[in-house]
Protein backbone atom coordinates (compact mmCIF):
# COMPACT_ATOMS: atom_id res chain seq x y z
CA MET A 1 0.00 0.00 0.00
CA THR A 2 2.41 2.66 -1.26
CA ALA A 3 0.09 4.96 -3.21
CA THR A 4 -1.51 7.89 -1.43
CA PRO A 5 -5.32 7.96 -1.32
CA ALA A 6 -5.31 10.84 -3.80
CA ALA A 7 -3.10 9.05 -6.31
CA GLU A 8 -5.01 5.81 -5.94
CA ALA A 9 -8.37 7.56 -6.29
CA ARG A 10 -7.31 9.20 -9.53
CA THR A 11 -6.17 5.89 -10.98
CA LEU A 12 -9.45 4.26 -10.02
CA LEU A 13 -11.50 7.14 -11.44
CA ALA A 14 -9.67 6.86 -14.75
CA ASN A 15 -10.33 3.11 -14.81
CA LEU A 16 -14.01 3.81 -14.19
CA GLY A 17 -14.28 6.26 -17.08
CA VAL A 18 -14.09 9.65 -15.34
CA ASN A 19 -12.24 12.30 -17.34
CA PRO A 20 -9.14 13.37 -15.37
CA SER A 21 -9.66 16.98 -16.46
CA ALA A 22 -12.84 17.08 -14.34
CA LEU A 23 -10.86 16.59 -11.13
CA ASP A 24 -8.97 19.87 -10.95
CA GLY A 25 -9.54 23.60 -10.98
CA GLY A 26 -12.89 23.79 -9.21
CA SER A 27 -14.11 25.20 -5.90
CA LEU A 28 -15.47 22.01 -4.32
CA ILE A 29 -12.63 20.42 -2.35
CA VAL A 30 -12.92 16.66 -1.89
CA ARG A 31 -10.81 15.04 0.82
CA SER A 32 -10.21 11.44 1.77
CA PRO A 33 -10.98 10.82 5.45
CA ILE A 34 -8.19 8.22 5.42
CA THR A 35 -5.52 10.93 5.62
CA GLY A 36 -7.41 14.20 5.19
CA GLU A 37 -5.55 14.91 1.95
CA VAL A 38 -7.22 16.59 -1.00
CA ILE A 39 -8.26 14.16 -3.72
CA ALA A 40 -9.88 16.59 -6.15
CA ARG A 41 -11.08 20.13 -6.70
CA LEU A 42 -14.32 19.83 -8.61
CA GLY A 43 -16.29 22.36 -10.56
CA GLU A 44 -19.75 22.87 -9.10
CA THR A 45 -22.90 22.72 -11.17
CA ALA A 46 -24.17 26.24 -11.83
CA PRO A 47 -27.87 26.97 -11.13
CA GLY A 48 -28.57 27.44 -14.82
CA ASP A 49 -26.92 24.12 -15.66
CA ALA A 50 -28.92 22.43 -12.92
CA ALA A 51 -32.13 23.82 -14.41
CA GLU A 52 -31.09 22.47 -17.81
CA ALA A 53 -30.33 19.04 -16.31
CA ILE A 54 -33.85 18.96 -14.89
CA ALA A 55 -35.26 20.07 -18.26
CA ALA A 56 -33.26 17.32 -19.99
CA ALA A 57 -34.61 14.80 -17.48
CA GLN A 58 -38.15 15.94 -18.29
CA ARG A 59 -37.52 15.47 -22.02
CA ALA A 60 -35.96 12.07 -21.38
CA PHE A 61 -38.94 11.01 -19.28
CA LEU A 62 -41.38 11.77 -22.11
CA ALA A 63 -39.50 9.30 -24.33
CA TRP A 64 -38.50 6.74 -21.67
CA ARG A 65 -42.05 6.24 -20.39
CA MET A 66 -43.01 4.82 -23.79
CA VAL A 67 -40.27 2.19 -23.81
CA PRO A 68 -41.81 -1.14 -22.68
CA ALA A 69 -41.05 -1.93 -19.06
CA PRO A 70 -39.22 -5.23 -19.77
CA ARG A 71 -37.03 -3.33 -22.24
CA ARG A 72 -36.31 -0.79 -19.52
CA GLY A 73 -35.35 -3.75 -17.37
CA GLU A 74 -32.76 -4.71 -19.96
CA PHE A 75 -31.16 -1.30 -19.48
CA VAL A 76 -30.91 -1.88 -15.73
CA ARG A 77 -29.44 -5.32 -16.43
CA LEU A 78 -26.69 -3.62 -18.41
CA ILE A 79 -26.02 -1.25 -15.50
CA GLY A 80 -25.68 -4.31 -13.27
CA GLU A 81 -23.19 -5.85 -15.66
CA GLU A 82 -21.11 -2.67 -15.67
CA LEU A 83 -21.13 -2.70 -11.88
CA ARG A 84 -20.03 -6.34 -11.80
CA ALA A 85 -17.09 -5.58 -14.06
CA ALA A 86 -16.15 -2.50 -12.01
CA LYS A 87 -16.86 -3.89 -8.54
CA ASP A 88 -13.27 -3.99 -7.31
CA ASP A 89 -12.40 -0.48 -8.53
CA LEU A 90 -15.66 1.14 -7.43
CA GLY A 91 -15.62 -0.62 -4.07
CA ARG A 92 -12.08 0.57 -3.39
CA LEU A 93 -13.02 4.09 -4.45
CA VAL A 94 -15.88 4.02 -1.91
CA SER A 95 -13.34 3.09 0.77
CA ILE A 96 -11.01 5.91 -0.19
CA GLU A 97 -13.69 8.59 -0.48
CA VAL A 98 -15.71 7.84 2.68
CA GLY A 99 -13.36 5.66 4.76
CA LYS A 100 -15.18 2.33 4.76
CA VAL A 101 -13.14 -0.82 5.29
CA LEU A 102 -12.57 -2.69 2.04
CA SER A 103 -15.17 -5.41 2.61
CA GLU A 104 -17.81 -2.76 3.25
CA GLY A 105 -16.83 -0.79 0.16
CA LEU A 106 -17.16 -3.93 -1.94
CA GLY A 107 -20.38 -4.81 -0.11
CA GLU A 108 -21.88 -1.49 -1.07
CA VAL A 109 -21.27 -2.19 -4.75
CA GLN A 110 -22.67 -5.71 -4.33
CA GLU A 111 -25.82 -4.10 -2.95
CA MET A 112 -26.07 -2.07 -6.15
CA ILE A 113 -25.73 -5.23 -8.21
CA ASP A 114 -28.38 -6.95 -6.11
CA ILE A 115 -30.94 -4.16 -6.57
CA CYS A 116 -30.29 -4.18 -10.32
CA ASP A 117 -31.04 -7.92 -10.40
CA PHE A 118 -34.19 -7.33 -8.37
CA ALA A 119 -35.32 -4.50 -10.66
CA VAL A 120 -34.80 -6.54 -13.83
CA GLY A 121 -37.29 -9.14 -12.63
CA LEU A 122 -39.59 -6.44 -11.33
CA SER A 123 -39.77 -4.87 -14.80
CA ARG A 124 -42.12 -7.74 -15.76
CA GLN A 125 -44.18 -7.48 -12.56
CA LEU A 126 -45.43 -3.90 -12.31
CA TYR A 127 -48.81 -5.36 -11.59
CA GLY A 128 -52.16 -3.68 -11.11
CA LEU A 129 -55.46 -5.09 -9.88
CA CYS A 130 -58.70 -6.29 -11.38
CA LEU A 131 -61.65 -5.52 -9.07
CA PRO A 132 -65.32 -6.55 -9.15
CA SER A 133 -67.87 -3.87 -9.94
CA GLU A 134 -71.32 -3.54 -8.36
CA ARG A 135 -72.67 -2.67 -11.83
CA GLY A 136 -73.51 -5.23 -14.47
CA ASP A 137 -71.30 -5.37 -17.56
CA HIS A 138 -68.62 -3.35 -15.79
CA ARG A 139 -65.20 -4.07 -14.42
CA ILE A 140 -62.70 -2.01 -12.46
CA THR A 141 -58.95 -2.13 -12.91
CA GLU A 142 -56.03 -0.38 -11.33
CA GLN A 143 -52.83 0.30 -13.22
CA TRP A 144 -49.54 2.10 -12.64
CA HIS A 145 -47.90 4.66 -14.94
CA PRO A 146 -44.49 6.36 -14.88
CA ILE A 147 -44.63 9.58 -12.85
CA GLY A 148 -41.77 11.76 -14.07
CA PRO A 149 -38.21 12.76 -13.19
CA VAL A 150 -37.11 11.52 -9.76
CA GLY A 151 -34.73 13.61 -7.69
CA VAL A 152 -32.27 11.68 -5.53
CA ILE A 153 -30.35 13.45 -2.75
CA SER A 154 -27.89 10.99 -1.20
CA ALA A 155 -25.69 11.08 1.90
CA PHE A 156 -21.98 10.38 2.29
CA ASN A 157 -22.27 7.19 4.35
CA PHE A 158 -23.74 5.11 1.51
CA PRO A 159 -22.60 7.26 -1.39
CA VAL A 160 -23.74 4.96 -4.20
CA ALA A 161 -25.93 2.15 -2.83
CA VAL A 162 -28.84 4.38 -1.80
CA TRP A 163 -28.78 6.02 -5.22
CA SER A 164 -29.12 2.57 -6.79
CA TRP A 165 -32.10 1.68 -4.58
CA ASN A 166 -33.89 4.65 -6.10
CA ALA A 167 -32.50 4.73 -9.61
CA ALA A 168 -32.86 1.03 -10.47
CA LEU A 169 -36.54 1.17 -9.53
CA ALA A 170 -37.12 4.57 -11.13
CA PHE A 171 -35.58 3.44 -14.42
CA ILE A 172 -37.70 0.30 -14.74
CA CYS A 173 -40.78 2.29 -13.69
CA GLY A 174 -40.25 4.59 -16.67
CA ASP A 175 -38.75 7.60 -14.88
CA SER A 176 -35.61 9.62 -15.42
CA VAL A 177 -33.32 10.50 -12.50
CA VAL A 178 -31.52 13.65 -11.36
CA TRP A 179 -28.93 12.91 -8.68
CA LYS A 180 -27.44 15.34 -6.18
CA PRO A 181 -24.82 13.38 -4.20
CA SER A 182 -23.33 14.54 -0.92
CA GLU A 183 -20.66 17.19 -1.39
CA LYS A 184 -18.53 14.94 0.83
CA ALA A 185 -18.73 12.06 -1.67
CA PRO A 186 -19.13 13.28 -5.25
CA LEU A 187 -16.35 11.21 -6.84
CA THR A 188 -18.09 7.86 -6.48
CA ALA A 189 -21.18 9.48 -8.01
CA MET A 190 -19.16 10.67 -10.99
CA ALA A 191 -17.82 7.14 -11.41
CA VAL A 192 -21.31 5.62 -11.31
CA ALA A 193 -22.56 8.19 -13.83
CA ALA A 194 -19.74 7.14 -16.16
CA LEU A 195 -20.74 3.47 -15.79
CA VAL A 196 -24.38 4.33 -16.51
CA GLY A 197 -23.19 6.18 -19.60
CA ARG A 198 -21.50 2.99 -20.80
CA ALA A 199 -24.74 1.08 -20.23
CA MET A 200 -26.68 3.71 -22.18
CA ARG A 201 -24.35 3.40 -25.15
CA ALA A 202 -24.66 -0.38 -25.09
CA PHE A 203 -28.44 -0.13 -24.82
CA GLY A 204 -28.80 2.03 -27.91
CA ASP A 205 -31.07 4.83 -29.03
CA ASP A 206 -33.94 3.86 -26.73
CA ALA A 207 -31.99 5.39 -23.83
CA PRO A 208 -32.58 9.14 -24.24
CA GLU A 209 -30.08 11.82 -23.37
CA GLY A 210 -30.79 13.20 -19.91
CA LEU A 211 -31.96 9.88 -18.47
CA LEU A 212 -29.48 10.43 -15.61
CA GLY A 213 -28.47 13.92 -14.57
CA LEU A 214 -25.74 14.64 -12.00
CA LEU A 215 -25.56 17.82 -9.92
CA ILE A 216 -22.25 18.44 -8.14
CA GLY A 217 -22.23 20.98 -5.32
CA GLY A 218 -23.70 22.03 -2.02
CA ARG A 219 -27.03 22.52 -0.30
CA ALA A 220 -28.37 25.14 -2.72
CA LEU A 221 -28.37 22.63 -5.58
CA GLY A 222 -30.38 20.20 -3.48
CA GLY A 223 -32.82 23.02 -2.75
CA GLN A 224 -33.19 23.70 -6.46
CA LEU A 225 -34.08 20.05 -7.04
CA VAL A 226 -36.50 20.06 -4.10
CA ASP A 227 -38.35 23.15 -5.32
CA ASP A 228 -38.68 22.34 -9.02
CA PRO A 229 -42.26 21.34 -9.96
CA ARG A 230 -40.93 19.27 -12.87
CA VAL A 231 -39.60 16.77 -10.29
CA PRO A 232 -42.70 15.03 -8.88
CA VAL A 233 -40.75 12.70 -6.57
CA VAL A 234 -37.77 13.63 -4.39
CA SER A 235 -35.96 10.93 -2.42
CA ALA A 236 -33.73 12.44 0.27
CA THR A 237 -31.38 10.68 2.69
CA GLY A 238 -29.85 12.59 5.57
CA SER A 239 -30.55 14.15 8.93
CA THR A 240 -34.00 14.69 10.40
CA ARG A 241 -33.41 18.44 10.21
CA MET A 242 -32.70 18.21 6.49
CA GLY A 243 -35.64 15.90 5.89
CA ARG A 244 -38.06 18.17 7.69
CA ALA A 245 -37.09 21.04 5.38
CA VAL A 246 -37.25 18.84 2.27
CA GLY A 247 -40.61 17.35 3.19
CA GLU A 248 -42.18 20.73 3.85
CA ARG A 249 -40.88 22.27 0.64
CA VAL A 250 -41.88 19.35 -1.57
CA ALA A 251 -45.32 19.21 0.05
CA ARG A 252 -45.78 22.94 -0.54
CA ARG A 253 -45.82 22.24 -4.28
CA PHE A 254 -47.81 19.00 -3.81
CA GLY A 255 -44.87 16.83 -4.79
CA ARG A 256 -44.06 13.46 -3.25
CA SER A 257 -41.09 12.91 -0.95
CA ILE A 258 -39.37 9.68 0.10
CA LEU A 259 -37.48 10.47 3.30
CA GLU A 260 -34.79 8.27 4.85
CA LEU A 261 -33.61 10.18 7.89
CA GLY A 262 -32.13 9.64 11.34
CA GLY A 263 -32.05 6.39 13.23
CA ASN A 264 -31.44 5.85 16.95
CA ASN A 265 -31.60 2.10 16.83
CA ALA A 266 -31.86 -0.25 19.78
CA SER A 267 -31.42 -3.96 20.47
CA ILE A 268 -33.03 -5.74 23.40
CA VAL A 269 -31.12 -8.61 25.01
CA THR A 270 -33.47 -10.95 26.87
CA PRO A 271 -32.68 -13.60 29.50
CA SER A 272 -33.08 -16.31 26.85
CA ALA A 273 -30.58 -14.76 24.42
CA ASP A 274 -27.64 -16.66 22.96
CA LEU A 275 -24.93 -14.37 24.36
CA ASP A 276 -22.15 -15.53 22.04
CA LEU A 277 -24.26 -14.70 18.99
CA THR A 278 -25.39 -11.47 20.63
CA LEU A 279 -21.83 -10.35 21.27
CA ARG A 280 -20.80 -10.74 17.63
CA ALA A 281 -23.93 -9.05 16.31
CA VAL A 282 -23.68 -6.10 18.70
CA ALA A 283 -20.00 -5.55 17.87
CA PHE A 284 -20.66 -5.24 14.14
CA GLY A 285 -23.90 -3.33 14.53
CA ALA A 286 -22.39 -0.70 16.83
CA MET A 287 -18.86 -0.33 15.43
CA GLY A 288 -19.16 -1.23 11.73
CA THR A 289 -18.71 1.72 9.34
CA ALA A 290 -17.32 3.60 12.37
CA GLY A 291 -20.87 4.05 13.63
CA GLN A 292 -21.87 6.01 10.51
CA ARG A 293 -24.78 3.94 9.25
CA CYS A 294 -28.34 5.16 9.68
CA THR A 295 -29.00 1.65 11.02
CA THR A 296 -26.01 1.62 13.40
CA LEU A 297 -26.82 0.13 16.80
CA ARG A 298 -26.80 3.06 19.23
CA ARG A 299 -28.66 1.69 22.27
CA LEU A 300 -28.37 -1.74 23.91
CA ILE A 301 -31.12 -2.61 26.39
CA VAL A 302 -30.00 -5.60 28.48
CA HIS A 303 -31.94 -7.66 31.02
CA ALA A 304 -30.53 -7.42 34.53
CA ASP A 305 -30.06 -11.21 34.75
CA VAL A 306 -27.63 -11.34 31.79
CA TYR A 307 -26.09 -7.87 32.06
CA ASP A 308 -22.99 -8.98 33.97
CA GLY A 309 -22.53 -11.94 31.63
CA LEU A 310 -22.48 -9.74 28.52
CA ILE A 311 -21.26 -6.21 29.16
CA PRO A 312 -17.77 -6.99 30.57
CA ARG A 313 -17.18 -9.25 27.56
CA LEU A 314 -18.38 -6.50 25.23
CA ALA A 315 -16.12 -3.95 26.91
CA LYS A 316 -13.18 -6.28 26.28
CA VAL A 317 -14.09 -6.47 22.57
CA TYR A 318 -14.26 -2.68 22.44
CA ALA A 319 -10.84 -2.39 24.05
CA GLY A 320 -9.27 -4.69 21.44
CA ILE A 321 -11.04 -3.53 18.26
CA ARG A 322 -8.69 -2.71 15.38
CA VAL A 323 -9.01 0.96 14.39
CA GLY A 324 -6.90 1.98 11.43
CA ASP A 325 -6.47 2.70 7.75
CA PRO A 326 -9.45 1.05 6.06
CA ARG A 327 -7.30 -0.16 3.18
CA LEU A 328 -5.45 -2.55 5.51
CA PRO A 329 -6.96 -6.05 5.59
CA ASP A 330 -7.04 -6.37 9.39
CA THR A 331 -8.80 -3.04 10.04
CA LEU A 332 -12.36 -3.27 11.36
CA VAL A 333 -13.05 0.41 12.13
CA GLY A 334 -11.94 3.17 9.78
CA PRO A 335 -12.08 6.96 10.16
CA LEU A 336 -14.96 9.30 10.82
CA ILE A 337 -15.83 11.35 7.77
CA ASP A 338 -14.35 14.61 9.11
CA GLY A 339 -13.48 16.73 12.13
CA ASP A 340 -17.06 17.86 12.66
CA ALA A 341 -18.09 14.24 13.16
CA PHE A 342 -15.37 13.73 15.76
CA ALA A 343 -16.35 16.94 17.57
CA ALA A 344 -19.97 15.76 17.72
CA MET A 345 -18.82 12.47 19.23
CA GLU A 346 -16.78 14.30 21.86
CA ARG A 347 -19.76 16.51 22.78
CA ALA A 348 -22.03 13.49 23.15
CA LEU A 349 -19.55 11.69 25.40
CA ALA A 350 -19.13 14.79 27.55
CA ALA A 351 -22.91 15.00 27.96
CA ALA A 352 -23.07 11.30 28.85
CA ARG A 353 -20.29 11.70 31.41
CA ALA A 354 -22.12 14.66 32.95
CA ALA A 355 -25.26 12.52 33.19
CA GLY A 356 -23.40 9.84 35.14
CA GLY A 357 -22.42 7.60 32.24
CA ARG A 358 -19.52 5.18 32.69
CA ILE A 359 -17.49 5.31 29.50
CA HIS A 360 -15.31 2.54 28.10
CA GLY A 361 -13.12 3.64 25.19
CA GLY A 362 -13.66 6.77 23.16
CA GLY A 363 -11.15 9.44 22.23
CA ARG A 364 -9.03 10.01 19.16
CA ALA A 365 -6.85 7.25 17.75
CA ASP A 366 -3.44 8.23 16.36
CA VAL A 367 -3.70 7.07 12.76
CA ASN A 368 -2.40 8.78 9.60
CA GLY A 369 -1.67 12.18 11.12
CA ASP A 370 -3.59 15.25 12.16
CA GLY A 371 -5.64 15.60 8.98
CA SER A 372 -7.74 12.50 9.63
CA PHE A 373 -10.14 11.70 12.47
CA TYR A 374 -10.05 8.14 13.74
CA ALA A 375 -12.04 7.51 16.91
CA ARG A 376 -11.95 4.64 19.34
CA PRO A 377 -15.51 3.26 19.69
CA ALA A 378 -17.14 4.10 23.01
CA LEU A 379 -19.33 1.89 25.20
CA VAL A 380 -21.36 3.94 27.69
CA GLU A 381 -23.15 2.32 30.62
CA ILE A 382 -25.88 4.69 31.75
CA ASP A 383 -28.77 4.38 34.17
CA GLU A 384 -31.42 6.39 32.35
CA GLN A 385 -32.36 7.30 28.79
CA VAL A 386 -31.30 10.94 29.13
CA ASP A 387 -31.28 13.52 26.33
CA CYS A 388 -27.91 12.55 24.87
CA VAL A 389 -29.14 8.95 24.56
CA ARG A 390 -32.34 10.03 22.81
CA GLU A 391 -30.39 12.04 20.23
CA GLU A 392 -28.62 10.41 17.31
CA THR A 393 -24.86 10.99 17.18
CA PHE A 394 -23.35 9.77 13.91
CA ALA A 395 -20.35 8.10 15.51
CA PRO A 396 -19.43 4.79 17.23
CA ILE A 397 -21.12 5.35 20.60
CA LEU A 398 -23.19 2.56 22.15
CA TYR A 399 -25.30 3.40 25.20
CA VAL A 400 -26.16 0.46 27.46
CA LEU A 401 -29.26 0.43 29.66
CA LYS A 402 -30.58 -2.20 32.05
CA TYR A 403 -34.19 -3.47 32.26
CA ARG A 404 -36.25 -6.01 34.20
CA THR A 405 -39.48 -6.54 32.22
CA LEU A 406 -39.97 -6.80 28.47
CA ASP A 407 -42.66 -4.13 28.59
CA GLU A 408 -40.09 -1.79 30.15
CA ALA A 409 -37.51 -2.67 27.47
CA ILE A 410 -39.94 -2.05 24.61
CA ALA A 411 -40.94 1.28 26.17
CA LEU A 412 -37.26 2.28 26.31
CA GLN A 413 -36.69 1.21 22.74
CA ASN A 414 -39.71 3.12 21.46
CA GLY A 415 -39.05 6.14 23.68
CA VAL A 416 -37.01 8.10 21.15
CA PRO A 417 -38.11 10.39 18.28
CA GLN A 418 -36.64 8.13 15.60
CA GLY A 419 -38.06 4.83 14.37
CA LEU A 420 -35.79 3.18 11.81
CA SER A 421 -34.41 -0.16 13.00
CA SER A 422 -34.61 -2.41 16.04
CA SER A 423 -33.85 -5.95 17.10
CA ILE A 424 -34.28 -8.48 19.87
CA PHE A 425 -32.00 -11.30 20.98
CA ALA A 426 -34.14 -14.12 22.37
CA THR A 427 -34.85 -17.83 22.02
CA ASP A 428 -38.20 -17.63 23.85
CA MET A 429 -40.82 -17.30 21.11
CA ARG A 430 -43.18 -15.42 23.45
CA GLU A 431 -40.59 -12.67 23.86
CA VAL A 432 -39.97 -12.61 20.11
CA GLU A 433 -43.65 -12.46 19.19
CA GLN A 434 -44.39 -9.72 21.71
CA PHE A 435 -41.55 -7.68 20.22
CA LEU A 436 -42.90 -8.16 16.68
CA SER A 437 -46.52 -7.50 17.63
CA ALA A 438 -48.50 -4.27 17.33
CA ALA A 439 -47.57 -3.61 20.97
CA GLY A 440 -43.86 -4.18 20.28
CA SER A 441 -41.27 -2.32 18.22
CA ASP A 442 -42.56 0.84 16.53
CA CYS A 443 -39.76 0.82 13.94
CA GLY A 444 -39.87 0.19 10.22
CA ILE A 445 -37.37 -2.65 10.70
CA ALA A 446 -37.58 -5.19 13.53
CA ASN A 447 -35.05 -8.02 13.48
CA VAL A 448 -34.66 -11.16 15.57
CA ASN A 449 -31.30 -12.59 16.71
CA MET A 450 -29.31 -10.18 14.60
CA GLY A 451 -28.32 -6.55 14.81
CA THR A 452 -30.09 -3.47 13.52
CA SER A 453 -27.89 -2.96 10.45
CA GLY A 454 -27.04 -4.92 7.33
CA ALA A 455 -30.44 -4.96 5.58
CA GLU A 456 -30.88 -6.96 2.38
CA ILE A 457 -32.44 -5.37 -0.70
CA GLY A 458 -35.44 -7.73 -0.85
CA GLY A 459 -37.40 -5.98 1.89
CA ALA A 460 -38.63 -2.41 1.93
CA PHE A 461 -36.14 -0.19 3.75
CA GLY A 462 -37.27 2.73 5.89
CA GLY A 463 -38.68 3.83 9.20
CA GLU A 464 -41.32 5.71 11.11
CA LYS A 465 -41.61 8.90 13.18
CA GLU A 466 -38.67 11.26 12.61
CA THR A 467 -37.05 8.71 10.31
CA GLY A 468 -39.46 10.04 7.71
CA GLY A 469 -41.81 7.21 6.75
CA GLY A 470 -40.28 6.59 3.32
CA ARG A 471 -39.61 3.15 1.87
CA GLU A 472 -36.95 2.27 -0.69
CA SER A 473 -35.39 -0.83 -2.23
CA GLY A 474 -37.43 -4.06 -2.23
CA SER A 475 -40.97 -5.36 -1.70
CA ASP A 476 -43.50 -2.93 -3.23
CA SER A 477 -41.38 0.21 -2.81
CA TRP A 478 -41.58 0.61 -6.60
CA LYS A 479 -45.06 2.10 -6.23
CA ALA A 480 -43.55 5.35 -4.91
CA TYR A 481 -42.00 5.93 -8.34
CA MET A 482 -45.25 5.57 -10.29
CA ARG A 483 -48.70 7.12 -10.37
CA ARG A 484 -51.78 5.03 -9.70
CA GLN A 485 -54.76 5.11 -12.05
CA THR A 486 -58.17 3.51 -11.44
CA ASN A 487 -60.20 2.53 -14.50
CA ALA A 488 -63.94 1.76 -14.53
CA ILE A 489 -64.88 0.09 -17.82
CA ASN A 490 -68.43 -0.27 -19.15
CA TYR A 491 -68.58 -2.99 -21.80
CA GLY A 492 -72.38 -3.15 -21.91
CA ARG A 493 -75.10 -1.15 -23.69
CA THR A 494 -76.76 0.42 -20.64
CA LEU A 495 -75.56 3.01 -18.15
CA PRO A 496 -76.23 1.90 -14.58
CA LEU A 497 -74.93 4.37 -11.99
CA ALA A 498 -73.14 3.42 -8.81
CA GLN A 499 -74.85 3.45 -5.42
CA GLY A 500 -78.26 3.07 -7.09
CA VAL A 501 -78.34 6.68 -8.30
CA THR A 502 -80.84 7.39 -11.10
CA PHE A 503 -80.49 10.24 -13.58
CA ASP A 504 -82.76 9.56 -16.58
CA VAL A 505 -82.80 11.90 -19.56
CA ASP A 506 -84.16 11.50 -23.06
CA ALA A 507 -81.42 10.67 -25.51
């Protein structure tokens, strides 16, 4: 590992089809969290160019919606093939740009491939309904049509996978896409756009220009996408504060928003839990991706009878976890994205300490110099769910609380503003079923004998409350990218009215 992150990133970008001339001379500075060094200085998309990208997406939509859905699926299949061929390079670029360990960078690209496979099959299953009518010689059907350009605003922590959840479905649904990636992770977006361009050329003339637009820059560009009435659907991933602003602005123009926002996820450890399995799951869930997943495990609610059998063992794992350069094969925890993230972690730990929390770990790890921010994961034993526990801190902090009844544990788990992911560790089916019942977890995701993170693409991904209520990826999430139309069809020669209404006129 002799190349600097900057040099390696530029080689990878060239391999992936990004023009080297696009990487210099601009005002947007892109740094690798591995060392803090500058990778690129990108030109930002001007407001007028952003407006033209949206106009091009509208023109592309008018053509793309008429391409048969299975044919649109073939286009997504070609994107998947490009991703397969580029998996190693793109996965490594993810690691360099956002600091993920190599297996997680590769895993993110695999997730993109998986959603492409899912979408290809889905392109032949955009099913409607056939419903009985109360009127003779009538039938009712329900069908789905493409809705228009879809805006995607993605976050740094999954810089390309979340885009693919949206784009793969939008493309097969007949929509174009305009993508505004995080200003902290634009290079992987540029690489993906280049791969999509290859797929478009292989697909032929049926793929119209403007099918994928890319906006590089800061918050104002996202606001332009949010406010444009030509974009009927906006999918936004980020903080609750950001999502509240996006949701209000999109609703003001009667658009549709898909919001994937904060998560303050909890796992409950019951007396019947397999503690060896629990230990492994908690370690990955709380420390993987340096605590920078929206599904990261942030609260562990442990029964008093097994607390002393689990928490000292967990503290030992925390003390020995390998924090380091994510390009090294034995590293498990890489850097935080930047200094602001580390400062937020320090503030949260100070608040926990002031509230009586007993902290294991934490603090800055000496890796790769002063320009990077590596943090030792922190385990915080705390007696009550105080304010700092109820707030999401995007860093590797795990708060541990003790409980005695399952009702108490579920109340603790649900007693936060967010509602993304949750889990229970139990071998007693009564505990499991109570947790999964209407009186149990109030989250969009509720797992059993596994952590809160690491979702597969087959299920709908999203959460409730301040997590935003949106759903992406699998199941029937595709319906958010289409418009529903109900059809009542009279194939007879009379005109009966519904509900027994009569309205007779001479004809």
